[in-house]
Amino acid sequence: MKVVILCGGKGARLREETEYRPKPMVPVGERPILWHIMKTYAHYGHKDFILCLGYKGDMIRDYFHNYLWNTCDATLSLGANPAVQFHTSHNEDDWRVTLANTGQESMTAYRVKLIQKYIPAGEPFLLTYGDGLATIDINASIRSHQASGKVCTLSAVHPAGRFGSLRIEDSGQIHTFNEKPQFEDAYVNGGYMVCDHRMFNYLTDDPNMLLERKPMDDLVRDGQLNAYKHEGFWQPMDTYQEAQYLNKLWSEGRAPWKVW
């Protein structure tokens, strides 16, 4: 399946970093958090990516356009016949990355609508945000989605308090989607979604539409929103403290999302 990653937001709550770069390019260790997310999907066999670019999207373009320069040791021979020798390699030779401009000010639903042209008719796709790491079993979430027959399956996770809460039946069908949680042990939308092509029917050409508002409300109304419950690690990177926490886990060799 193609993997759509939302990379266009301004990340205002992480201003210490995002004043200079888009949030998906904030490093965890020596690589951007976006790379870690992509490595997770690639581990489960999903290596065809569509990146929805917006704020400072040129930095993401440059990173992948010059991927060897950014990831490998190199020796330059200067002079009349310049040459370059790369001494190290990477394991991403079979990745395919589509870099799609989805606007500087677009909201999340519109960004997804704009990349519809890259998803063949009838083909399902994977969708997530460019700022969260998890130990979610991607292929298990796909199986849950297929069994449900719904339009969209999101990964329901336990939050640290401030995200939209969900009420979920044992069958997995979602009956409420609240933007603000009422209690800390609620399940919340952790991203890592699986979508049928019918998902595009719930999106409009309104640049101001948030995926987390009317489209989700309409999916709930139609009984078409399913949950894959994930009880393991999930951590967004919305603040500088959260960025420090993820880097601490990585530097200490305790990063639970590192499954590759």
Protein backbone atom coordinates (compact mmCIF):
# COMPACT_ATOMS: atom_id res chain seq x y z
CA MET A 1 0.00 0.00 0.00
CA LYS A 2 1.02 3.59 -0.55
CA VAL A 3 1.85 5.49 2.64
CA VAL A 4 0.59 9.08 2.84
CA ILE A 5 2.35 11.21 5.48
CA LEU A 6 1.16 14.67 6.47
CA CYS A 7 4.27 16.89 6.53
CA GLY A 8 2.93 20.40 5.97
CA GLY A 9 1.98 21.85 9.34
CA LYS A 10 3.83 24.69 11.06
CA GLY A 11 4.33 22.96 14.40
CA ALA A 12 3.72 26.12 16.43
CA ARG A 13 4.00 24.34 19.79
CA LEU A 14 7.53 23.25 18.91
CA ARG A 15 8.68 26.74 17.95
CA GLU A 16 12.20 26.12 19.33
CA GLU A 17 12.76 23.77 16.37
CA THR A 18 10.14 24.62 13.76
CA GLU A 19 11.17 28.24 13.38
CA TYR A 20 14.06 26.85 11.34
CA ARG A 21 12.70 23.62 9.81
CA PRO A 22 9.43 21.71 9.31
CA LYS A 23 8.50 19.51 12.25
CA PRO A 24 8.99 16.22 10.33
CA MET A 25 12.65 17.26 9.89
CA VAL A 26 13.29 17.72 13.62
CA PRO A 27 15.96 15.14 14.43
CA VAL A 28 15.68 12.10 16.63
CA GLY A 29 19.27 11.02 16.89
CA GLU A 30 21.00 11.80 13.61
CA ARG A 31 17.91 11.42 11.40
CA PRO A 32 14.63 13.37 11.07
CA ILE A 33 11.59 11.99 12.88
CA LEU A 34 10.06 11.56 9.40
CA TRP A 35 12.78 9.02 8.56
CA HIS A 36 11.94 7.03 11.69
CA ILE A 37 8.26 6.93 10.72
CA MET A 38 9.13 5.80 7.19
CA LYS A 39 11.48 3.11 8.53
CA THR A 40 8.61 1.75 10.61
CA TYR A 41 6.36 1.42 7.57
CA ALA A 42 9.20 -0.02 5.49
CA HIS A 43 9.79 -2.68 8.15
CA TYR A 44 6.26 -3.95 7.46
CA GLY A 45 6.83 -3.91 3.71
CA HIS A 46 5.27 -0.57 2.79
CA LYS A 47 7.87 1.50 0.94
CA ASP A 48 5.91 3.66 -1.51
CA PHE A 49 5.54 7.04 0.21
CA ILE A 50 3.60 10.19 -0.62
CA LEU A 51 4.71 13.17 1.47
CA CYS A 52 2.20 16.04 1.75
CA LEU A 53 4.47 19.09 1.87
CA GLY A 54 3.70 22.62 3.01
CA TYR A 55 5.61 24.75 5.52
CA LYS A 56 9.33 24.74 4.64
CA GLY A 57 8.69 21.78 2.33
CA ASP A 58 11.82 22.63 0.33
CA MET A 59 13.92 21.24 3.20
CA ILE A 60 12.19 17.86 2.89
CA ARG A 61 12.66 17.95 -0.89
CA ASP A 62 16.36 18.69 -0.50
CA TYR A 63 16.82 15.94 2.08
CA PHE A 64 15.52 13.22 -0.25
CA HIS A 65 16.94 14.71 -3.44
CA ASN A 66 20.39 14.58 -1.83
CA TYR A 67 19.78 11.43 0.17
CA LEU A 68 23.26 9.96 -0.38
CA TRP A 69 24.86 13.26 0.64
CA ASN A 70 22.72 13.37 3.75
CA THR A 71 23.25 9.80 4.89
CA CYS A 72 26.64 8.56 3.67
CA ASP A 73 30.33 9.36 4.20
CA ALA A 74 31.86 10.77 1.03
CA THR A 75 35.16 11.84 -0.52
CA LEU A 76 35.28 14.65 -3.06
CA SER A 77 37.94 14.91 -5.76
CA LEU A 78 38.25 18.55 -6.74
CA GLY A 79 39.73 20.04 -9.89
CA ALA A 80 38.98 19.96 -13.61
CA ASN A 81 37.33 16.53 -13.37
CA PRO A 82 35.49 16.55 -10.06
CA ALA A 83 34.25 13.25 -8.72
CA VAL A 84 32.63 11.88 -5.60
CA GLN A 85 33.04 8.55 -3.85
CA PHE A 86 30.48 7.39 -1.29
CA HIS A 87 32.03 5.13 1.33
CA THR A 88 28.91 3.97 3.10
CA SER A 89 25.49 2.86 1.90
CA HIS A 90 21.92 2.84 3.15
CA ASN A 91 19.07 0.33 3.22
CA GLU A 92 16.49 2.50 1.47
CA ASP A 93 17.31 1.61 -2.14
CA ASP A 94 13.81 0.22 -2.71
CA TRP A 95 11.94 3.22 -1.34
CA ARG A 96 9.80 5.34 -3.66
CA VAL A 97 9.07 8.86 -2.43
CA THR A 98 6.54 11.24 -4.02
CA LEU A 99 7.02 14.82 -2.86
CA ALA A 100 3.67 16.58 -3.25
CA ASN A 101 3.17 20.30 -2.69
CA THR A 102 -0.12 20.63 -0.79
CA GLY A 103 0.08 24.33 0.09
CA GLN A 104 1.53 26.52 2.81
CA GLU A 105 -1.74 27.14 4.65
CA SER A 106 -3.76 24.01 3.87
CA MET A 107 -5.43 22.05 6.63
CA THR A 108 -5.05 18.27 6.95
CA ALA A 109 -8.17 17.11 5.07
CA TYR A 110 -7.36 19.29 2.07
CA ARG A 111 -3.77 18.02 1.97
CA VAL A 112 -5.07 14.46 1.70
CA LYS A 113 -7.62 15.47 -0.95
CA LEU A 114 -4.85 16.99 -3.09
CA ILE A 115 -2.89 13.74 -3.31
CA GLN A 116 -5.91 11.71 -4.51
CA LYS A 117 -4.41 11.81 -8.01
CA TYR A 118 -1.52 9.65 -6.79
CA ILE A 119 -3.80 6.89 -5.41
CA PRO A 120 -5.24 4.66 -8.16
CA ALA A 121 -9.03 4.35 -8.14
CA GLY A 122 -10.23 1.70 -5.73
CA GLU A 123 -6.84 1.30 -4.06
CA PRO A 124 -6.63 1.56 -0.25
CA PHE A 125 -3.82 3.53 1.36
CA LEU A 126 -2.09 4.16 4.67
CA LEU A 127 -2.18 7.61 6.29
CA THR A 128 -0.42 9.15 9.25
CA TYR A 129 1.06 12.33 10.71
CA GLY A 130 4.72 13.30 10.36
CA ASP A 131 5.36 13.78 14.07
CA GLY A 132 4.56 10.62 16.03
CA LEU A 133 6.43 7.38 16.76
CA ALA A 134 4.88 4.10 17.84
CA THR A 135 5.24 0.34 18.03
CA ILE A 136 2.01 -0.17 16.09
CA ASP A 137 1.90 -3.37 14.03
CA ILE A 138 1.02 -1.85 10.66
CA ASN A 139 -0.02 -5.10 9.02
CA ALA A 140 -2.19 -6.06 11.99
CA SER A 141 -3.97 -2.70 11.62
CA ILE A 142 -4.53 -3.48 7.93
CA ARG A 143 -6.07 -6.85 8.83
CA SER A 144 -8.34 -5.14 11.36
CA HIS A 145 -9.40 -2.67 8.68
CA GLN A 146 -10.13 -5.37 6.13
CA ALA A 147 -12.17 -7.37 8.64
CA SER A 148 -14.22 -4.30 9.60
CA GLY A 149 -15.30 -3.38 6.09
CA LYS A 150 -15.25 0.30 7.14
CA VAL A 151 -13.96 3.29 5.17
CA CYS A 152 -11.28 4.22 7.69
CA THR A 153 -9.44 2.53 10.55
CA LEU A 154 -7.38 4.61 12.95
CA SER A 155 -4.98 3.38 15.58
CA ALA A 156 -6.53 4.06 18.98
CA VAL A 157 -3.91 4.69 21.64
CA HIS A 158 -3.77 5.82 25.26
CA PRO A 159 -2.64 9.45 25.40
CA ALA A 160 -0.88 11.72 27.80
CA GLY A 161 -4.07 13.66 28.22
CA ARG A 162 -4.75 16.37 25.68
CA PHE A 163 -5.88 14.64 22.49
CA GLY A 164 -9.33 13.83 21.08
CA SER A 165 -11.04 10.90 22.81
CA LEU A 166 -12.95 8.01 21.23
CA ARG A 167 -15.72 5.70 22.43
CA ILE A 168 -15.22 2.27 20.88
CA GLU A 169 -17.38 -0.87 20.92
CA ASP A 170 -15.81 -4.30 21.34
CA SER A 171 -16.35 -4.80 17.60
CA GLY A 172 -14.08 -1.84 16.92
CA GLN A 173 -16.76 0.54 15.61
CA ILE A 174 -16.32 4.12 16.83
CA HIS A 175 -19.40 5.97 18.11
CA THR A 176 -17.95 9.27 19.29
CA PHE A 177 -14.96 11.36 18.29
CA ASN A 178 -14.27 14.23 20.73
CA GLU A 179 -11.62 16.83 19.96
CA LYS A 180 -10.69 17.16 23.67
CA PRO A 181 -10.48 14.19 26.05
CA GLN A 182 -12.67 13.89 29.07
CA PHE A 183 -10.38 11.54 30.97
CA GLU A 184 -6.77 10.47 30.68
CA ASP A 185 -7.44 6.73 30.22
CA ALA A 186 -9.46 7.40 27.06
CA TYR A 187 -8.39 6.10 23.70
CA VAL A 188 -7.31 8.79 21.25
CA ASN A 189 -6.46 8.97 17.58
CA GLY A 190 -2.80 7.99 17.27
CA GLY A 191 -2.74 8.32 13.48
CA TYR A 192 -1.34 5.28 11.62
CA MET A 193 -4.62 4.99 9.71
CA VAL A 194 -5.79 2.63 6.99
CA CYS A 195 -8.18 4.14 4.43
CA ASP A 196 -10.29 2.79 1.62
CA HIS A 197 -10.37 4.87 -1.55
CA ARG A 198 -13.89 5.83 -0.44
CA MET A 199 -12.18 8.09 2.10
CA PHE A 200 -11.81 10.72 -0.62
CA ASN A 201 -15.62 10.98 -0.78
CA TYR A 202 -15.52 12.46 2.72
CA LEU A 203 -13.01 15.16 1.73
CA THR A 204 -13.80 18.39 -0.11
CA ASP A 205 -11.86 21.10 -1.91
CA ASP A 206 -12.01 23.37 1.16
CA PRO A 207 -8.42 24.33 2.13
CA ASN A 208 -9.60 25.08 5.68
CA MET A 209 -11.01 21.64 6.44
CA LEU A 210 -9.36 19.62 9.17
CA LEU A 211 -9.35 15.85 8.78
CA GLU A 212 -10.06 15.57 12.50
CA ARG A 213 -13.34 17.53 12.34
CA LYS A 214 -16.09 17.12 9.74
CA PRO A 215 -14.65 14.10 7.86
CA MET A 216 -14.27 12.16 11.11
CA ASP A 217 -17.71 13.28 12.30
CA ASP A 218 -19.24 12.15 9.01
CA LEU A 219 -17.49 8.78 9.17
CA VAL A 220 -18.85 8.28 12.69
CA ARG A 221 -22.34 9.32 11.54
CA ASP A 222 -22.22 6.73 8.75
CA GLY A 223 -20.78 3.99 10.98
CA GLN A 224 -17.64 3.90 8.84
CA LEU A 225 -14.88 4.62 11.38
CA ASN A 226 -13.10 1.62 12.88
CA ALA A 227 -10.43 1.38 15.57
CA TYR A 228 -7.35 -0.78 15.82
CA LYS A 229 -6.54 -0.73 19.55
CA HIS A 230 -2.86 -0.33 20.31
CA GLU A 231 -1.79 -0.79 23.92
CA GLY A 232 1.93 -0.31 23.37
CA PHE A 233 4.27 2.64 22.93
CA TRP A 234 3.01 5.78 21.21
CA GLN A 235 4.59 9.21 21.54
CA PRO A 236 3.89 12.39 19.57
CA MET A 237 6.44 15.17 19.27
CA ASP A 238 4.40 18.32 19.83
CA THR A 239 6.67 20.10 22.31
CA TYR A 240 10.37 20.61 22.91
CA GLN A 241 10.15 18.39 25.99
CA GLU A 242 8.68 15.57 23.91
CA ALA A 243 11.45 15.99 21.34
CA GLN A 244 14.01 15.73 24.14
CA TYR A 245 12.30 12.62 25.49
CA LEU A 246 12.40 10.84 22.11
CA ASN A 247 16.05 11.77 21.66
CA LYS A 248 16.86 10.46 25.14
CA LEU A 249 15.23 7.12 24.35
CA TRP A 250 17.19 6.91 21.10
CA SER A 251 20.57 7.89 22.56
CA GLU A 252 20.21 5.40 25.41
CA GLY A 253 19.34 2.54 23.06
CA ARG A 254 15.83 2.27 24.52
CA ALA A 255 13.79 3.38 21.49
CA PRO A 256 10.90 0.88 21.39
CA TRP A 257 9.88 1.92 17.86
CA LYS A 258 13.23 0.76 16.40
CA VAL A 259 12.07 -2.54 14.90
CA TRP A 260 14.33 -2.45 11.82
